Amino acid sequence: MTKSGSAYLHSFGRAVSNFEENIREERQSRGEPKEGKHTRPHHPF
């Protein structure tokens, strides 16, 4: 794994967790349960 490759993966993983955090906050603000019946694919990060 090259340095730039791992840096890319790291920033991508951070973007994914930010995205999931936003989804979670959106759900809470709409009054939905944290763990609902959502069918979003689970990311391997």
N, C-alpha and C. Protein backbone atom coordinates (compact mmCIF):
# COMPACT_ATOMS: atom_id res chain seq x y z
N MET A 1 0.85 -1.20 0.00
CA MET A 1 0.00 0.00 0.00
C MET A 1 0.89 1.24 0.00
N THR A 2 0.66 2.12 -0.96
CA THR A 2 1.48 3.33 -1.02
C THR A 2 0.99 4.34 0.00
N LYS A 3 1.82 5.33 0.25
CA LYS A 3 1.45 6.37 1.21
C LYS A 3 0.18 7.10 0.76
N SER A 4 0.17 7.51 -0.50
CA SER A 4 -1.00 8.25 -1.00
C SER A 4 -2.24 7.36 -1.00
N GLY A 5 -2.03 6.07 -1.27
CA GLY A 5 -3.17 5.15 -1.27
C GLY A 5 -3.79 5.04 0.11
N SER A 6 -2.96 4.93 1.15
CA SER A 6 -3.51 4.80 2.49
C SER A 6 -4.12 6.12 2.94
N ALA A 7 -3.54 7.24 2.51
CA ALA A 7 -4.12 8.54 2.85
C ALA A 7 -5.49 8.69 2.20
N TYR A 8 -5.60 8.21 0.97
CA TYR A 8 -6.88 8.26 0.27
C TYR A 8 -7.92 7.41 1.00
N LEU A 9 -7.51 6.20 1.38
CA LEU A 9 -8.43 5.32 2.10
C LEU A 9 -8.84 5.94 3.42
N HIS A 10 -7.90 6.57 4.11
CA HIS A 10 -8.20 7.17 5.40
C HIS A 10 -9.23 8.28 5.25
N SER A 11 -9.01 9.17 4.27
CA SER A 11 -9.95 10.28 4.10
C SER A 11 -11.30 9.76 3.62
N PHE A 12 -11.29 8.70 2.83
CA PHE A 12 -12.56 8.12 2.38
C PHE A 12 -13.32 7.53 3.56
N GLY A 13 -12.61 6.84 4.43
CA GLY A 13 -13.25 6.28 5.62
C GLY A 13 -13.83 7.37 6.50
N ARG A 14 -13.11 8.49 6.62
CA ARG A 14 -13.61 9.59 7.43
C ARG A 14 -14.86 10.20 6.78
N ALA A 15 -14.85 10.31 5.46
CA ALA A 15 -16.02 10.85 4.76
C ALA A 15 -17.23 9.94 4.97
N VAL A 16 -16.99 8.63 4.95
CA VAL A 16 -18.09 7.69 5.16
C VAL A 16 -18.65 7.84 6.56
N SER A 17 -17.79 7.94 7.57
CA SER A 17 -18.31 8.06 8.93
C SER A 17 -19.01 9.40 9.14
N ASN A 18 -18.52 10.47 8.49
CA ASN A 18 -19.22 11.75 8.56
C ASN A 18 -20.61 11.60 7.94
N PHE A 19 -20.67 10.92 6.80
CA PHE A 19 -21.94 10.70 6.11
C PHE A 19 -22.91 9.93 7.02
N GLU A 20 -22.42 8.88 7.67
CA GLU A 20 -23.28 8.09 8.54
C GLU A 20 -23.73 8.91 9.75
N GLU A 21 -22.84 9.78 10.25
CA GLU A 21 -23.20 10.64 11.37
C GLU A 21 -24.32 11.59 10.96
N ASN A 22 -24.22 12.15 9.75
CA ASN A 22 -25.28 13.04 9.26
C ASN A 22 -26.61 12.30 9.14
N ILE A 23 -26.56 11.09 8.61
CA ILE A 23 -27.79 10.29 8.48
C ILE A 23 -28.41 10.07 9.86
N ARG A 24 -27.58 9.74 10.83
CA ARG A 24 -28.06 9.47 12.19
C ARG A 24 -28.72 10.72 12.78
N GLU A 25 -28.07 11.88 12.61
CA GLU A 25 -28.63 13.11 13.15
C GLU A 25 -29.94 13.47 12.46
N GLU A 26 -29.99 13.25 11.14
CA GLU A 26 -31.22 13.51 10.40
C GLU A 26 -32.35 12.66 10.96
N ARG A 27 -32.06 11.39 11.19
CA ARG A 27 -33.07 10.47 11.71
C ARG A 27 -33.57 10.94 13.06
N GLN A 28 -32.64 11.35 13.92
CA GLN A 28 -33.03 11.78 15.26
C GLN A 28 -33.90 13.03 15.17
N SER A 29 -33.53 13.97 14.30
CA SER A 29 -34.30 15.22 14.21
C SER A 29 -35.69 14.96 13.65
N ARG A 30 -35.86 13.86 12.90
CA ARG A 30 -37.19 13.51 12.40
C ARG A 30 -37.93 12.63 13.40
N GLY A 31 -37.28 12.33 14.52
CA GLY A 31 -37.92 11.52 15.55
C GLY A 31 -37.91 10.04 15.26
N GLU A 32 -37.08 9.61 14.32
CA GLU A 32 -37.02 8.17 14.04
C GLU A 32 -36.02 7.51 14.98
N PRO A 33 -36.20 6.23 15.25
CA PRO A 33 -35.24 5.52 16.10
C PRO A 33 -33.87 5.44 15.45
N LYS A 34 -32.84 5.39 16.28
CA LYS A 34 -31.47 5.32 15.75
C LYS A 34 -31.31 4.10 14.84
N GLU A 35 -31.76 2.96 15.34
CA GLU A 35 -31.64 1.74 14.54
C GLU A 35 -33.00 1.37 13.98
N GLY A 36 -33.33 1.95 12.84
CA GLY A 36 -34.62 1.66 12.23
C GLY A 36 -34.52 0.54 11.22
N LYS A 37 -35.57 0.37 10.45
CA LYS A 37 -35.55 -0.67 9.42
C LYS A 37 -34.97 -0.11 8.14
N HIS A 38 -33.79 0.44 8.21
CA HIS A 38 -33.18 1.02 7.01
C HIS A 38 -32.41 -0.07 6.26
N THR A 39 -32.35 0.07 4.95
CA THR A 39 -31.69 -0.95 4.14
C THR A 39 -30.42 -0.40 3.51
N ARG A 40 -29.78 0.54 4.20
CA ARG A 40 -28.52 1.08 3.67
C ARG A 40 -27.45 0.01 3.81
N PRO A 41 -26.63 -0.19 2.79
CA PRO A 41 -25.56 -1.18 2.89
C PRO A 41 -24.55 -0.79 3.95
N HIS A 42 -24.02 -1.76 4.65
CA HIS A 42 -23.04 -1.47 5.71
C HIS A 42 -21.65 -1.38 5.11
N HIS A 43 -20.97 -0.28 5.39
CA HIS A 43 -19.62 -0.11 4.85
C HIS A 43 -18.60 -0.85 5.72
N PRO A 44 -17.58 -1.38 5.12
CA PRO A 44 -16.59 -2.17 5.87
C PRO A 44 -15.59 -1.34 6.67
N PHE A 45 -15.93 -0.09 6.99
CA PHE A 45 -14.98 0.73 7.75
C PHE A 45 -15.32 0.73 9.22
